[in-house]
Structures are given as C-alpha cells and as structure tokens.
Protein backbone atom coordinates (compact mmCIF):
# COMPACT_ATOMS: atom_id res chain seq x y z
CA UNK A 1 117.66 -63.57 -5.07
CA UNK A 2 118.24 -60.41 -6.59
CA UNK A 3 116.00 -58.61 -3.81
CA UNK A 4 118.97 -59.56 -1.09
CA UNK A 5 121.27 -58.84 -3.50
CA UNK A 6 120.45 -55.17 -3.57
CA UNK A 7 119.33 -54.87 -0.04
CA UNK A 8 122.82 -56.05 0.76
CA UNK A 9 124.22 -53.25 -1.91
CA UNK A 10 122.22 -50.39 -0.37
CA UNK A 11 123.00 -51.50 3.52
CA UNK A 12 126.65 -51.11 2.25
CA UNK A 13 126.32 -47.51 1.63
CA UNK A 14 126.23 -47.65 -2.43
CA UNK A 15 123.90 -45.32 -4.41
CA UNK A 16 121.93 -47.94 -7.07
CA UNK A 17 120.55 -45.94 -10.17
CA UNK A 18 118.17 -47.62 -12.76
CA UNK A 19 117.39 -49.95 -14.11
CA UNK A 20 117.58 -51.14 -10.52
CA UNK A 21 116.38 -47.83 -8.31
CA UNK A 22 114.84 -44.89 -8.82
CA UNK A 23 114.55 -41.44 -6.50
CA UNK A 24 111.07 -41.21 -5.69
CA UNK A 25 110.44 -37.45 -3.99
CA UNK A 26 106.52 -37.56 -4.39
CA UNK A 27 106.57 -39.66 -1.29
CA UNK A 28 110.35 -38.02 0.59
CA UNK A 29 113.26 -37.02 0.41
CA UNK A 30 115.95 -39.35 0.30
CA UNK A 31 112.89 -41.90 -0.79
CA UNK A 32 113.42 -44.96 -3.55
CA UNK A 33 111.86 -47.23 -5.38
CA UNK A 34 113.44 -50.64 -5.86
CA UNK A 35 112.32 -52.32 -9.03
CA UNK A 36 112.61 -56.01 -9.03
CA UNK A 37 111.31 -57.92 -12.27
CA UNK A 38 110.49 -61.84 -11.53
CA UNK A 39 109.05 -64.13 -14.21
CA UNK A 40 105.35 -63.58 -12.80
CA UNK A 41 105.40 -59.83 -11.78
CA UNK A 42 107.32 -57.05 -11.53
CA UNK A 43 108.04 -55.74 -7.75
CA UNK A 44 108.52 -53.01 -5.99
CA UNK A 45 110.39 -52.08 -2.58
CA UNK A 46 110.02 -48.57 -1.41
CA UNK A 47 112.61 -47.51 1.05
CA UNK A 48 114.78 -44.04 2.45
CA UNK A 49 118.31 -43.86 3.27
CA UNK A 50 118.61 -42.38 6.57
CA UNK A 51 122.01 -41.98 8.20
CA UNK A 52 121.91 -45.38 9.88
CA UNK A 53 119.47 -47.60 8.13
CA UNK A 54 117.71 -48.25 4.84
CA UNK A 55 113.42 -48.35 5.32
CA UNK A 56 111.34 -50.13 3.76
CA UNK A 57 108.31 -48.27 3.79
CA UNK A 58 106.61 -50.60 1.57
CA UNK A 59 106.21 -53.58 -0.51
CA UNK A 60 103.99 -54.32 -3.53
CA UNK A 61 103.52 -56.04 -7.07
CA UNK A 62 103.39 -52.76 -9.82
CA UNK A 63 100.78 -53.88 -12.73
CA UNK A 64 100.80 -50.07 -14.29
CA UNK A 65 103.42 -47.34 -15.03
CA UNK A 66 102.06 -44.77 -12.12
CA UNK A 67 103.60 -45.72 -8.45
CA UNK A 68 99.28 -46.40 -6.84
CA UNK A 69 98.22 -43.80 -5.07
CA UNK A 70 96.98 -45.56 -1.81
CA UNK A 71 100.64 -46.78 -1.90
CA UNK A 72 102.31 -43.18 -1.96
CA UNK A 73 100.11 -42.40 0.90
CA UNK A 74 100.77 -45.16 2.61
CA UNK A 75 104.26 -44.31 2.67
CA UNK A 76 104.05 -41.11 3.55
CA UNK A 77 101.99 -42.10 6.54
CA UNK A 78 104.53 -44.72 7.86
CA UNK A 79 107.57 -42.71 7.41
CA UNK A 80 106.31 -39.88 9.39
CA UNK A 81 105.52 -42.77 12.27
CA UNK A 82 108.18 -43.82 11.86
CA UNK A 83 109.64 -40.29 12.12
CA UNK A 84 107.90 -39.35 14.56
CA UNK A 85 109.17 -42.79 16.79
CA UNK A 86 112.37 -41.29 16.17
CA UNK A 87 111.85 -38.13 17.65
CA UNK A 88 112.81 -36.88 14.05
CA UNK A 89 111.58 -33.57 12.15
CA UNK A 90 111.32 -34.27 8.61
C-alpha cells in the first residue's frame, strides 16, 4: 500500500526525500531509490524522473547497505535502452 501512495506522489510531481527516497547519481541524472520498509524485507524501486513520466528501472529486495553492482549496471542498461528507443541522448 505504501508503495502505491509514494509512486502516486511522484506522479503528481512531488519530490520525495529521506526517509522515502534518495538520489542515485551512480545510476544517472534524475535517478532515485524509493525505499519501502516491509515487515519481511526492505524493498527498493529505482526510478528516474523524466519530464513526462516516472520510469521504473528496477525493483529488488535490499539485503545489504550497498546497492549491488548488478542492479546499478542493469538500471544503467535499461535506461540507455529506453532513451535510445525514445530518441533521446543522455
């Protein structure tokens, strides 16, 4: 439920900060990590704020403090592919 509420706030143009969201410059400009603390696990949603959309690059359970390199690499790759398909250059 919290996930849906936070995503709706982002869609409405609200910029979220800690504890809900933090910037992820290692992935790219306008990229952030939405932080969802659940009873069983800590979930993360990596997203990017574009002019006309909130793009979700990855959803995963976080088990350590650092974001896994495989997640960072996958997000970069997906966002590059998205930009290429949309005809944008980052």
